[in-house]
Amino acid sequence: MAKKVLFVDDDSDFLESSQLMLMDCGYDVLTATDGAAAVEGHRRERPDITFLDIKMPGMDGYEAFERIRREDPDARVVFTSSYALDGIRYKDAKSQGLCALLNKPLSLKDLESAIGRHAR
């Protein structure tokens, strides 16, 4: 059975290209464009791994991560970002079970490596 991946990013072009890359490799890929949709998608689908952009309008990745982990303490989440991190919030997320951080741009090798190491 294919691993179920939830990919969350507010950049629709980046989101679509990432989705297509992963689908071409046989993953079942769900997408969301903001933090609230990420929380709802995770609640509904319980993916094997979630790739979560940090900087998004409205609910950012940190808050979405906290809500996802509150509902599913075993959730496997990897942050993605092309921006400088908020060191305190990042350390807090790591202490709450964040799996990893991938810096954009992402390669297929980066994504597959993270899935192999961190997915349920």
PDB file of N, CA and C in Angstrom:
ATOM      1  N   MET A   1       0.834  -1.184   0.000  1.00  0.00           N
ATOM      2  CA  MET A   1       0.000   0.000   0.000  1.00  0.00           C
ATOM      3  C   MET A   1       0.881   1.250   0.000  1.00  0.00           C
ATOM      4  N   ALA A   2       0.521   2.219  -0.827  1.00  0.00           N
ATOM      5  CA  ALA A   2       1.304   3.448  -0.960  1.00  0.00           C
ATOM      6  C   ALA A   2       1.228   4.284   0.315  1.00  0.00           C
ATOM      7  N   LYS A   3       2.337   4.917   0.638  1.00  0.00           N
ATOM      8  CA  LYS A   3       2.357   5.844   1.772  1.00  0.00           C
ATOM      9  C   LYS A   3       1.477   7.045   1.444  1.00  0.00           C
ATOM     10  N   LYS A   4       0.729   7.495   2.448  1.00  0.00           N
ATOM     11  CA  LYS A   4      -0.134   8.664   2.290  1.00  0.00           C
ATOM     12  C   LYS A   4       0.625   9.891   2.799  1.00  0.00           C
ATOM     13  N   VAL A   5       0.780  10.879   1.913  1.00  0.00           N
ATOM     14  CA  VAL A   5       1.536  12.091   2.204  1.00  0.00           C
ATOM     15  C   VAL A   5       0.598  13.293   2.144  1.00  0.00           C
ATOM     16  N   LEU A   6       0.639  14.133   3.173  1.00  0.00           N
ATOM     17  CA  LEU A   6      -0.058  15.416   3.147  1.00  0.00           C
ATOM     18  C   LEU A   6       1.000  16.486   2.925  1.00  0.00           C
ATOM     19  N   PHE A   7       0.842  17.263   1.856  1.00  0.00           N
ATOM     20  CA  PHE A   7       1.807  18.308   1.516  1.00  0.00           C
ATOM     21  C   PHE A   7       1.101  19.651   1.616  1.00  0.00           C
ATOM     22  N   VAL A   8       1.660  20.557   2.415  1.00  0.00           N
ATOM     23  CA  VAL A   8       1.000  21.831   2.710  1.00  0.00           C
ATOM     24  C   VAL A   8       1.921  22.992   2.344  1.00  0.00           C
ATOM     25  N   ASP A   9       1.433  23.863   1.451  1.00  0.00           N
ATOM     26  CA  ASP A   9       2.198  25.048   1.067  1.00  0.00           C
ATOM     27  C   ASP A   9       1.251  26.059   0.440  1.00  0.00           C
ATOM     28  N   ASP A  10       1.477  27.343   0.704  1.00  0.00           N
ATOM     29  CA  ASP A  10       0.617  28.377   0.128  1.00  0.00           C
ATOM     30  C   ASP A  10       1.041  28.784  -1.284  1.00  0.00           C
ATOM     31  N   ASP A  11       2.174  28.307  -1.768  1.00  0.00           N
ATOM     32  CA  ASP A  11       2.628  28.567  -3.139  1.00  0.00           C
ATOM     33  C   ASP A  11       2.058  27.468  -4.032  1.00  0.00           C
ATOM     34  N   SER A  12       1.031  27.794  -4.800  1.00  0.00           N
ATOM     35  CA  SER A  12       0.307  26.767  -5.559  1.00  0.00           C
ATOM     36  C   SER A  12       1.178  26.086  -6.610  1.00  0.00           C
ATOM     37  N   ASP A  13       2.104  26.810  -7.241  1.00  0.00           N
ATOM     38  CA  ASP A  13       2.983  26.186  -8.233  1.00  0.00           C
ATOM     39  C   ASP A  13       3.927  25.183  -7.574  1.00  0.00           C
ATOM     40  N   PHE A  14       4.525  25.587  -6.458  1.00  0.00           N
ATOM     41  CA  PHE A  14       5.415  24.689  -5.721  1.00  0.00           C
ATOM     42  C   PHE A  14       4.646  23.469  -5.211  1.00  0.00           C
ATOM     43  N   LEU A  15       3.448  23.708  -4.718  1.00  0.00           N
ATOM     44  CA  LEU A  15       2.612  22.624  -4.194  1.00  0.00           C
ATOM     45  C   LEU A  15       2.296  21.617  -5.290  1.00  0.00           C
ATOM     46  N   GLU A  16       1.893  22.109  -6.450  1.00  0.00           N
ATOM     47  CA  GLU A  16       1.543  21.213  -7.555  1.00  0.00           C
ATOM     48  C   GLU A  16       2.754  20.428  -8.050  1.00  0.00           C
ATOM     49  N   SER A  17       3.903  21.079  -8.193  1.00  0.00           N
ATOM     50  CA  SER A  17       5.087  20.362  -8.672  1.00  0.00           C
ATOM     51  C   SER A  17       5.536  19.306  -7.665  1.00  0.00           C
ATOM     52  N   SER A  18       5.454  19.618  -6.378  1.00  0.00           N
ATOM     53  CA  SER A  18       5.817  18.637  -5.343  1.00  0.00           C
ATOM     54  C   SER A  18       4.850  17.462  -5.356  1.00  0.00           C
ATOM     55  N   GLN A  19       3.564  17.768  -5.498  1.00  0.00           N
ATOM     56  CA  GLN A  19       2.550  16.713  -5.555  1.00  0.00           C
ATOM     57  C   GLN A  19       2.812  15.783  -6.739  1.00  0.00           C
ATOM     58  N   LEU A  20       3.068  16.353  -7.911  1.00  0.00           N
ATOM     59  CA  LEU A  20       3.293  15.532  -9.103  1.00  0.00           C
ATOM     60  C   LEU A  20       4.549  14.675  -8.970  1.00  0.00           C
ATOM     61  N   MET A  21       5.625  15.245  -8.410  1.00  0.00           N
ATOM     62  CA  MET A  21       6.854  14.469  -8.204  1.00  0.00           C
ATOM     63  C   MET A  21       6.579  13.244  -7.344  1.00  0.00           C
ATOM     64  N   LEU A  22       5.877  13.452  -6.241  1.00  0.00           N
ATOM     65  CA  LEU A  22       5.612  12.348  -5.316  1.00  0.00           C
ATOM     66  C   LEU A  22       4.622  11.340  -5.898  1.00  0.00           C
ATOM     67  N   MET A  23       3.615  11.824  -6.606  1.00  0.00           N
ATOM     68  CA  MET A  23       2.656  10.906  -7.228  1.00  0.00           C
ATOM     69  C   MET A  23       3.346  10.035  -8.270  1.00  0.00           C
ATOM     70  N   ASP A  24       4.288  10.614  -9.028  1.00  0.00           N
ATOM     71  CA  ASP A  24       5.031   9.844 -10.026  1.00  0.00           C
ATOM     72  C   ASP A  24       5.842   8.723  -9.386  1.00  0.00           C
ATOM     73  N   CYS A  25       6.156   8.862  -8.108  1.00  0.00           N
ATOM     74  CA  CYS A  25       6.903   7.829  -7.377  1.00  0.00           C
ATOM     75  C   CYS A  25       5.978   6.860  -6.650  1.00  0.00           C
ATOM     76  N   GLY A  26       4.671   7.008  -6.840  1.00  0.00           N
ATOM     77  CA  GLY A  26       3.726   6.054  -6.278  1.00  0.00           C
ATOM     78  C   GLY A  26       3.108   6.422  -4.945  1.00  0.00           C
ATOM     79  N   TYR A  27       3.366   7.624  -4.460  1.00  0.00           N
ATOM     80  CA  TYR A  27       2.775   8.039  -3.188  1.00  0.00           C
ATOM     81  C   TYR A  27       1.352   8.548  -3.400  1.00  0.00           C
ATOM     82  N   ASP A  28       0.515   8.364  -2.402  1.00  0.00           N
ATOM     83  CA  ASP A  28      -0.836   8.916  -2.380  1.00  0.00           C
ATOM     84  C   ASP A  28      -0.706  10.301  -1.754  1.00  0.00           C
ATOM     85  N   VAL A  29      -0.860  11.361  -2.552  1.00  0.00           N
ATOM     86  CA  VAL A  29      -0.561  12.713  -2.091  1.00  0.00           C
ATOM     87  C   VAL A  29      -1.825  13.554  -1.958  1.00  0.00           C
ATOM     88  N   LEU A  30      -2.007  14.096  -0.769  1.00  0.00           N
ATOM     89  CA  LEU A  30      -3.089  15.033  -0.476  1.00  0.00           C
ATOM     90  C   LEU A  30      -2.442  16.398  -0.302  1.00  0.00           C
ATOM     91  N   THR A  31      -3.170  17.469  -0.619  1.00  0.00           N
ATOM     92  CA  THR A  31      -2.586  18.800  -0.493  1.00  0.00           C
ATOM     93  C   THR A  31      -3.500  19.740   0.283  1.00  0.00           C
ATOM     94  N   ALA A  32      -2.871  20.777   0.826  1.00  0.00           N
ATOM     95  CA  ALA A  32      -3.592  21.862   1.494  1.00  0.00           C
ATOM     96  C   ALA A  32      -2.784  23.133   1.276  1.00  0.00           C
ATOM     97  N   THR A  33      -3.469  24.281   1.278  1.00  0.00           N
ATOM     98  CA  THR A  33      -2.792  25.543   0.991  1.00  0.00           C
ATOM     99  C   THR A  33      -2.672  26.478   2.188  1.00  0.00           C
ATOM    100  N   ASP A  34      -3.140  26.039   3.351  1.00  0.00           N
ATOM    101  CA  ASP A  34      -2.992  26.872   4.550  1.00  0.00           C
ATOM    102  C   ASP A  34      -3.036  25.992   5.795  1.00  0.00           C
ATOM    103  N   GLY A  35      -2.721  26.607   6.924  1.00  0.00           N
ATOM    104  CA  GLY A  35      -2.639  25.860   8.172  1.00  0.00           C
ATOM    105  C   GLY A  35      -3.943  25.224   8.599  1.00  0.00           C
ATOM    106  N   ALA A  36      -5.037  25.960   8.472  1.00  0.00           N
ATOM    107  CA  ALA A  36      -6.339  25.412   8.881  1.00  0.00           C
ATOM    108  C   ALA A  36      -6.709  24.198   8.040  1.00  0.00           C
ATOM    109  N   ALA A  37      -6.470  24.274   6.733  1.00  0.00           N
ATOM    110  CA  ALA A  37      -6.760  23.134   5.853  1.00  0.00           C
ATOM    111  C   ALA A  37      -5.831  21.962   6.165  1.00  0.00           C
ATOM    112  N   ALA A  38      -4.609  22.254   6.597  1.00  0.00           N
ATOM    113  CA  ALA A  38      -3.677  21.192   6.982  1.00  0.00           C
ATOM    114  C   ALA A  38      -4.198  20.427   8.192  1.00  0.00           C
ATOM    115  N   VAL A  39      -4.659  21.158   9.191  1.00  0.00           N
ATOM    116  CA  VAL A  39      -5.183  20.519  10.402  1.00  0.00           C
ATOM    117  C   VAL A  39      -6.395  19.661  10.052  1.00  0.00           C
ATOM    118  N   GLU A  40      -7.300  20.199   9.256  1.00  0.00           N
ATOM    119  CA  GLU A  40      -8.499  19.454   8.864  1.00  0.00           C
ATOM    120  C   GLU A  40      -8.139  18.241   8.006  1.00  0.00           C
ATOM    121  N   GLY A  41      -7.227  18.423   7.045  1.00  0.00           N
ATOM    122  CA  GLY A  41      -6.805  17.309   6.196  1.00  0.00           C
ATOM    123  C   GLY A  41      -6.145  16.205   6.999  1.00  0.00           C
ATOM    124  N   HIS A  42      -5.337  16.582   7.967  1.00  0.00           N
ATOM    125  CA  HIS A  42      -4.687  15.578   8.811  1.00  0.00           C
ATOM    126  C   HIS A  42      -5.716  14.849   9.660  1.00  0.00           C
ATOM    127  N   ARG A  43      -6.662  15.584  10.197  1.00  0.00           N
ATOM    128  CA  ARG A  43      -7.717  14.982  11.019  1.00  0.00           C
ATOM    129  C   ARG A  43      -8.505  13.947  10.208  1.00  0.00           C
ATOM    130  N   ARG A  44      -8.827  14.305   8.993  1.00  0.00           N
ATOM    131  CA  ARG A  44      -9.659  13.462   8.140  1.00  0.00           C
ATOM    132  C   ARG A  44      -8.892  12.261   7.567  1.00  0.00           C
ATOM    133  N   GLU A  45      -7.644  12.465   7.162  1.00  0.00           N
ATOM    134  CA  GLU A  45      -6.910  11.448   6.399  1.00  0.00           C
ATOM    135  C   GLU A  45      -5.850  10.680   7.184  1.00  0.00           C
ATOM    136  N   ARG A  46      -5.368  11.220   8.291  1.00  0.00           N
ATOM    137  CA  ARG A  46      -4.296  10.586   9.079  1.00  0.00           C
ATOM    138  C   ARG A  46      -3.150  10.096   8.181  1.00  0.00           C
ATOM    139  N   PRO A  47      -2.457  11.026   7.524  1.00  0.00           N
ATOM    140  CA  PRO A  47      -1.381  10.632   6.610  1.00  0.00           C
ATOM    141  C   PRO A  47      -0.214   9.976   7.344  1.00  0.00           C
ATOM    142  N   ASP A  48       0.602   9.274   6.574  1.00  0.00           N
ATOM    143  CA  ASP A  48       1.804   8.652   7.126  1.00  0.00           C
ATOM    144  C   ASP A  48       2.871   9.702   7.439  1.00  0.00           C
ATOM    145  N   ILE A  49       2.841  10.802   6.696  1.00  0.00           N
ATOM    146  CA  ILE A  49       3.777  11.906   6.922  1.00  0.00           C
ATOM    147  C   ILE A  49       3.160  13.186   6.367  1.00  0.00           C
ATOM    148  N   THR A  50       3.486  14.312   7.009  1.00  0.00           N
ATOM    149  CA  THR A  50       3.018  15.622   6.560  1.00  0.00           C
ATOM    150  C   THR A  50       4.220  16.529   6.344  1.00  0.00           C
ATOM    151  N   PHE A  51       4.291  17.131   5.160  1.00  0.00           N
ATOM    152  CA  PHE A  51       5.277  18.169   4.867  1.00  0.00           C
ATOM    153  C   PHE A  51       4.555  19.496   5.017  1.00  0.00           C
ATOM    154  N   LEU A  52       5.033  20.333   5.928  1.00  0.00           N
ATOM    155  CA  LEU A  52       4.297  21.521   6.343  1.00  0.00           C
ATOM    156  C   LEU A  52       5.155  22.773   6.196  1.00  0.00           C
ATOM    157  N   ASP A  53       4.734  23.669   5.303  1.00  0.00           N
ATOM    158  CA  ASP A  53       5.413  24.954   5.143  1.00  0.00           C
ATOM    159  C   ASP A  53       5.278  25.743   6.445  1.00  0.00           C
ATOM    160  N   ILE A  54       6.308  26.459   6.819  1.00  0.00           N
ATOM    161  CA  ILE A  54       6.258  27.235   8.055  1.00  0.00           C
ATOM    162  C   ILE A  54       5.551  28.569   7.839  1.00  0.00           C
ATOM    163  N   LYS A  55       5.950  29.301   6.815  1.00  0.00           N
ATOM    164  CA  LYS A  55       5.440  30.663   6.611  1.00  0.00           C
ATOM    165  C   LYS A  55       4.250  30.626   5.654  1.00  0.00           C
ATOM    166  N   MET A  56       3.054  30.781   6.233  1.00  0.00           N
ATOM    167  CA  MET A  56       1.815  30.829   5.455  1.00  0.00           C
ATOM    168  C   MET A  56       0.930  31.906   6.065  1.00  0.00           C
ATOM    169  N   PRO A  57       0.066  32.512   5.239  1.00  0.00           N
ATOM    170  CA  PRO A  57      -0.860  33.502   5.800  1.00  0.00           C
ATOM    171  C   PRO A  57      -1.877  32.835   6.724  1.00  0.00           C
ATOM    172  N   GLY A  58      -2.393  33.605   7.659  1.00  0.00           N
ATOM    173  CA  GLY A  58      -3.351  33.035   8.614  1.00  0.00           C
ATOM    174  C   GLY A  58      -2.605  32.165   9.605  1.00  0.00           C
ATOM    175  N   MET A  59      -3.031  30.923   9.736  1.00  0.00           N
ATOM    176  CA  MET A  59      -2.376  29.981  10.649  1.00  0.00           C
ATOM    177  C   MET A  59      -1.049  29.523  10.039  1.00  0.00           C
ATOM    178  N   ASP A  60       0.054  29.837  10.701  1.00  0.00           N
ATOM    179  CA  ASP A  60       1.353  29.426  10.164  1.00  0.00           C
ATOM    180  C   ASP A  60       1.644  27.958  10.478  1.00  0.00           C
ATOM    181  N   GLY A  61       2.769  27.478   9.983  1.00  0.00           N
ATOM    182  CA  GLY A  61       3.125  26.081  10.164  1.00  0.00           C
ATOM    183  C   GLY A  61       3.342  25.681  11.612  1.00  0.00           C
ATOM    184  N   TYR A  62       3.879  26.591  12.420  1.00  0.00           N
ATOM    185  CA  TYR A  62       4.085  26.271  13.831  1.00  0.00           C
ATOM    186  C   TYR A  62       2.759  25.979  14.528  1.00  0.00           C
ATOM    187  N   GLU A  63       1.787  26.856  14.319  1.00  0.00           N
ATOM    188  CA  GLU A  63       0.487  26.659  14.963  1.00  0.00           C
ATOM    189  C   GLU A  63      -0.213  25.414  14.424  1.00  0.00           C
ATOM    190  N   ALA A  64      -0.135  25.207  13.109  1.00  0.00           N
ATOM    191  CA  ALA A  64      -0.749  24.009  12.525  1.00  0.00           C
ATOM    192  C   ALA A  64      -0.106  22.751  13.106  1.00  0.00           C
ATOM    193  N   PHE A  65       1.225  22.765  13.243  1.00  0.00           N
ATOM    194  CA  PHE A  65       1.933  21.628  13.834  1.00  0.00           C
ATOM    195  C   PHE A  65       1.430  21.347  15.247  1.00  0.00           C
ATOM    196  N   GLU A  66       1.322  22.393  16.056  1.00  0.00           N
ATOM    197  CA  GLU A  66       0.862  22.215  17.437  1.00  0.00           C
ATOM    198  C   GLU A  66      -0.539  21.612  17.484  1.00  0.00           C
ATOM    199  N   ARG A  67      -1.420  22.080  16.617  1.00  0.00           N
ATOM    200  CA  ARG A  67      -2.790  21.549  16.597  1.00  0.00           C
ATOM    201  C   ARG A  67      -2.829  20.109  16.103  1.00  0.00           C
ATOM    202  N   ILE A  68      -2.039  19.806  15.088  1.00  0.00           N
ATOM    203  CA  ILE A  68      -1.985  18.430  14.578  1.00  0.00           C
ATOM    204  C   ILE A  68      -1.479  17.491  15.668  1.00  0.00           C
ATOM    205  N   ARG A  69      -0.401  17.868  16.346  1.00  0.00           N
ATOM    206  CA  ARG A  69       0.170  17.009  17.389  1.00  0.00           C
ATOM    207  C   ARG A  69      -0.764  16.863  18.590  1.00  0.00           C
ATOM    208  N   ARG A  70      -1.548  17.900  18.873  1.00  0.00           N
ATOM    209  CA  ARG A  70      -2.517  17.803  19.969  1.00  0.00           C
ATOM    210  C   ARG A  70      -3.551  16.724  19.666  1.00  0.00           C
ATOM    211  N   GLU A  71      -3.986  16.646  18.418  1.00  0.00           N
ATOM    212  CA  GLU A  71      -4.993  15.665  18.016  1.00  0.00           C
ATOM    213  C   GLU A  71      -4.394  14.295  17.735  1.00  0.00           C
ATOM    214  N   ASP A  72      -3.147  14.270  17.280  1.00  0.00           N
ATOM    215  CA  ASP A  72      -2.485  13.017  16.911  1.00  0.00           C
ATOM    216  C   ASP A  72      -1.038  13.075  17.403  1.00  0.00           C
ATOM    217  N   PRO A  73      -0.802  12.675  18.653  1.00  0.00           N
ATOM    218  CA  PRO A  73       0.546  12.770  19.226  1.00  0.00           C
ATOM    219  C   PRO A  73       1.610  11.984  18.460  1.00  0.00           C
ATOM    220  N   ASP A  74       1.195  11.041  17.635  1.00  0.00           N
ATOM    221  CA  ASP A  74       2.149  10.257  16.850  1.00  0.00           C
ATOM    222  C   ASP A  74       2.335  10.796  15.434  1.00  0.00           C
ATOM    223  N   ALA A  75       1.739  11.947  15.122  1.00  0.00           N
ATOM    224  CA  ALA A  75       1.844  12.523  13.776  1.00  0.00           C
ATOM    225  C   ALA A  75       3.307  12.725  13.408  1.00  0.00           C
ATOM    226  N   ARG A  76       3.620  12.400  12.173  1.00  0.00           N
ATOM    227  CA  ARG A  76       4.980  12.547  11.648  1.00  0.00           C
ATOM    228  C   ARG A  76       4.982  13.781  10.755  1.00  0.00           C
ATOM    229  N   VAL A  77       5.644  14.856  11.216  1.00  0.00           N
ATOM    230  CA  VAL A  77       5.615  16.138  10.512  1.00  0.00           C
ATOM    231  C   VAL A  77       7.036  16.606  10.213  1.00  0.00           C
ATOM    232  N   VAL A  78       7.224  17.070   8.971  1.00  0.00           N
ATOM    233  CA  VAL A  78       8.482  17.660   8.526  1.00  0.00           C
ATOM    234  C   VAL A  78       8.179  19.084   8.076  1.00  0.00           C
ATOM    235  N   PHE A  79       8.882  20.051   8.644  1.00  0.00           N
ATOM    236  CA  PHE A  79       8.730  21.438   8.202  1.00  0.00           C
ATOM    237  C   PHE A  79       9.485  21.643   6.898  1.00  0.00           C
ATOM    238  N   THR A  80       8.946  22.528   6.046  1.00  0.00           N
ATOM    239  CA  THR A  80       9.654  22.985   4.852  1.00  0.00           C
ATOM    240  C   THR A  80       9.690  24.506   4.910  1.00  0.00           C
ATOM    241  N   SER A  81      10.811  25.092   4.486  1.00  0.00           N
ATOM    242  CA  SER A  81      10.901  26.552   4.546  1.00  0.00           C
ATOM    243  C   SER A  81      12.035  27.069   3.676  1.00  0.00           C
ATOM    244  N   SER A  82      11.850  28.281   3.188  1.00  0.00           N
ATOM    245  CA  SER A  82      12.930  28.983   2.492  1.00  0.00           C
ATOM    246  C   SER A  82      13.298  30.257   3.250  1.00  0.00           C
ATOM    247  N   TYR A  83      12.768  30.397   4.443  1.00  0.00           N
ATOM    248  CA  TYR A  83      12.990  31.590   5.266  1.00  0.00           C
ATOM    249  C   TYR A  83      13.797  31.236   6.511  1.00  0.00           C
ATOM    250  N   ALA A  84      14.342  32.274   7.140  1.00  0.00           N
ATOM    251  CA  ALA A  84      15.032  32.085   8.413  1.00  0.00           C
ATOM    252  C   ALA A  84      14.023  31.606   9.459  1.00  0.00           C
ATOM    253  N   LEU A  85      14.483  30.781  10.356  1.00  0.00           N
ATOM    254  CA  LEU A  85      13.614  30.204  11.380  1.00  0.00           C
ATOM    255  C   LEU A  85      13.487  31.109  12.594  1.00  0.00           C
ATOM    256  N   ASP A  86      12.367  30.989  13.262  1.00  0.00           N
ATOM    257  CA  ASP A  86      12.186  31.559  14.594  1.00  0.00           C
ATOM    258  C   ASP A  86      12.788  30.517  15.538  1.00  0.00           C
ATOM    259  N   GLY A  87      13.993  30.782  16.026  1.00  0.00           N
ATOM    260  CA  GLY A  87      14.730  29.786  16.793  1.00  0.00           C
ATOM    261  C   GLY A  87      13.982  29.209  17.976  1.00  0.00           C
ATOM    262  N   ILE A  88      13.291  30.054  18.718  1.00  0.00           N
ATOM    263  CA  ILE A  88      12.572  29.584  19.906  1.00  0.00           C
ATOM    264  C   ILE A  88      11.415  28.677  19.511  1.00  0.00           C
ATOM    265  N   ARG A  89      10.632  29.110  18.528  1.00  0.00           N
ATOM    266  CA  ARG A  89       9.474  28.299  18.109  1.00  0.00           C
ATOM    267  C   ARG A  89       9.936  26.986  17.473  1.00  0.00           C
ATOM    268  N   TYR A  90      11.039  27.034  16.717  1.00  0.00           N
ATOM    269  CA  TYR A  90      11.559  25.820  16.099  1.00  0.00           C
ATOM    270  C   TYR A  90      12.020  24.828  17.170  1.00  0.00           C
ATOM    271  N   LYS A  91      12.767  25.303  18.154  1.00  0.00           N
ATOM    272  CA  LYS A  91      13.223  24.418  19.234  1.00  0.00           C
ATOM    273  C   LYS A  91      12.041  23.825  19.992  1.00  0.00           C
ATOM    274  N   ASP A  92      11.008  24.628  20.203  1.00  0.00           N
ATOM    275  CA  ASP A  92       9.803  24.141  20.871  1.00  0.00           C
ATOM    276  C   ASP A  92       9.146  23.038  20.043  1.00  0.00           C
ATOM    277  N   ALA A  93       9.047  23.244  18.730  1.00  0.00           N
ATOM    278  CA  ALA A  93       8.456  22.222  17.852  1.00  0.00           C
ATOM    279  C   ALA A  93       9.292  20.941  17.884  1.00  0.00           C
ATOM    280  N   LYS A  94      10.616  21.074  17.850  1.00  0.00           N
ATOM    281  CA  LYS A  94      11.487  19.888  17.927  1.00  0.00           C
ATOM    282  C   LYS A  94      11.236  19.131  19.225  1.00  0.00           C
ATOM    283  N   SER A  95      11.068  19.856  20.323  1.00  0.00           N
ATOM    284  CA  SER A  95      10.845  19.194  21.611  1.00  0.00           C
ATOM    285  C   SER A  95       9.472  18.528  21.671  1.00  0.00           C
ATOM    286  N   GLN A  96       8.545  18.966  20.803  1.00  0.00           N
ATOM    287  CA  GLN A  96       7.207  18.374  20.748  1.00  0.00           C
ATOM    288  C   GLN A  96       7.103  17.260  19.710  1.00  0.00           C
ATOM    289  N   GLY A  97       8.206  16.901  19.064  1.00  0.00           N
ATOM    290  CA  GLY A  97       8.175  15.769  18.156  1.00  0.00           C
ATOM    291  C   GLY A  97       8.300  16.070  16.682  1.00  0.00           C
ATOM    292  N   LEU A  98       8.650  17.306  16.311  1.00  0.00           N
ATOM    293  CA  LEU A  98       8.895  17.606  14.909  1.00  0.00           C
ATOM    294  C   LEU A  98       9.989  16.684  14.398  1.00  0.00           C
ATOM    295  N   CYS A  99       9.773  16.069  13.237  1.00  0.00           N
ATOM    296  CA  CYS A  99      10.741  15.102  12.712  1.00  0.00           C
ATOM    297  C   CYS A  99      11.974  15.757  12.111  1.00  0.00           C
ATOM    298  N   ALA A 100      11.766  16.804  11.291  1.00  0.00           N
ATOM    299  CA  ALA A 100      12.894  17.382  10.562  1.00  0.00           C
ATOM    300  C   ALA A 100      12.487  18.707   9.936  1.00  0.00           C
ATOM    301  N   LEU A 101      13.483  19.373   9.365  1.00  0.00           N
ATOM    302  CA  LEU A 101      13.285  20.584   8.581  1.00  0.00           C
ATOM    303  C   LEU A 101      13.975  20.378   7.247  1.00  0.00           C
ATOM    304  N   LEU A 102      13.258  20.632   6.156  1.00  0.00           N
ATOM    305  CA  LEU A 102      13.852  20.619   4.824  1.00  0.00           C
ATOM    306  C   LEU A 102      13.832  22.043   4.293  1.00  0.00           C
ATOM    307  N   ASN A 103      14.979  22.490   3.784  1.00  0.00           N
ATOM    308  CA  ASN A 103      15.069  23.827   3.204  1.00  0.00           C
ATOM    309  C   ASN A 103      14.712  23.787   1.729  1.00  0.00           C
ATOM    310  N   LYS A 104      13.898  24.751   1.312  1.00  0.00           N
ATOM    311  CA  LYS A 104      13.529  24.870  -0.096  1.00  0.00           C
ATOM    312  C   LYS A 104      14.687  25.519  -0.846  1.00  0.00           C
ATOM    313  N   PRO A 105      14.850  25.184  -2.114  1.00  0.00           N
ATOM    314  CA  PRO A 105      14.017  24.286  -2.906  1.00  0.00           C
ATOM    315  C   PRO A 105      14.258  22.830  -2.524  1.00  0.00           C
ATOM    316  N   LEU A 106      13.233  22.022  -2.660  1.00  0.00           N
ATOM    317  CA  LEU A 106      13.295  20.610  -2.297  1.00  0.00           C
ATOM    318  C   LEU A 106      13.553  19.763  -3.533  1.00  0.00           C
ATOM    319  N   SER A 107      14.337  18.741  -3.356  1.00  0.00           N
ATOM    320  CA  SER A 107      14.543  17.777  -4.441  1.00  0.00           C
ATOM    321  C   SER A 107      13.735  16.524  -4.131  1.00  0.00           C
ATOM    322  N   LEU A 108      13.497  15.727  -5.144  1.00  0.00           N
ATOM    323  CA  LEU A 108      12.807  14.458  -4.937  1.00  0.00           C
ATOM    324  C   LEU A 108      13.607  13.587  -3.971  1.00  0.00           C
ATOM    325  N   LYS A 109      14.922  13.634  -4.082  1.00  0.00           N
ATOM    326  CA  LYS A 109      15.778  12.862  -3.173  1.00  0.00           C
ATOM    327  C   LYS A 109      15.540  13.283  -1.720  1.00  0.00           C
ATOM    328  N   ASP A 110      15.440  14.602  -1.471  1.00  0.00           N
ATOM    329  CA  ASP A 110      15.168  15.106  -0.114  1.00  0.00           C
ATOM    330  C   ASP A 110      13.847  14.559   0.411  1.00  0.00           C
ATOM    331  N   LEU A 111      12.808  14.634  -0.426  1.00  0.00           N
ATOM    332  CA  LEU A 111      11.477  14.197  -0.012  1.00  0.00           C
ATOM    333  C   LEU A 111      11.441  12.701   0.265  1.00  0.00           C
ATOM    334  N   GLU A 112      12.000  11.911  -0.659  1.00  0.00           N
ATOM    335  CA  GLU A 112      11.978  10.460  -0.465  1.00  0.00           C
ATOM    336  C   GLU A 112      12.815  10.043   0.737  1.00  0.00           C
ATOM    337  N   SER A 113      13.912  10.731   0.969  1.00  0.00           N
ATOM    338  CA  SER A 113      14.735  10.430   2.142  1.00  0.00           C
ATOM    339  C   SER A 113      13.953  10.714   3.428  1.00  0.00           C
ATOM    340  N   ALA A 114      13.260  11.841   3.471  1.00  0.00           N
ATOM    341  CA  ALA A 114      12.460  12.178   4.657  1.00  0.00           C
ATOM    342  C   ALA A 114      11.328  11.182   4.858  1.00  0.00           C
ATOM    343  N   ILE A 115      10.687  10.770   3.783  1.00  0.00           N
ATOM    344  CA  ILE A 115       9.613   9.777   3.892  1.00  0.00           C
ATOM    345  C   ILE A 115      10.171   8.465   4.423  1.00  0.00           C
ATOM    346  N   GLY A 116      11.305   8.036   3.883  1.00  0.00           N
ATOM    347  CA  GLY A 116      11.920   6.787   4.327  1.00  0.00           C
ATOM    348  C   GLY A 116      12.314   6.805   5.794  1.00  0.00           C
ATOM    349  N   ARG A 117      12.802   7.941   6.273  1.00  0.00           N
ATOM    350  CA  ARG A 117      13.256   8.046   7.661  1.00  0.00           C
ATOM    351  C   ARG A 117      12.133   8.297   8.652  1.00  0.00           C
ATOM    352  N   HIS A 118      11.102   9.044   8.238  1.00  0.00           N
ATOM    353  CA  HIS A 118      10.157   9.557   9.223  1.00  0.00           C
ATOM    354  C   HIS A 118       8.711   9.099   9.104  1.00  0.00           C
ATOM    355  N   ALA A 119       8.295   8.534   7.976  1.00  0.00           N
ATOM    356  CA  ALA A 119       6.879   8.151   7.826  1.00  0.00           C
ATOM    357  C   ALA A 119       6.530   6.999   8.758  1.00  0.00           C
ATOM    358  N   ARG A 120       5.234   6.916   9.099  1.00  0.00           N
ATOM    359  CA  ARG A 120       4.761   5.818   9.955  1.00  0.00           C
ATOM    360  C   ARG A 120       4.922   4.512   9.231  1.00  0.00           C
TER     361      ARG A 120
END
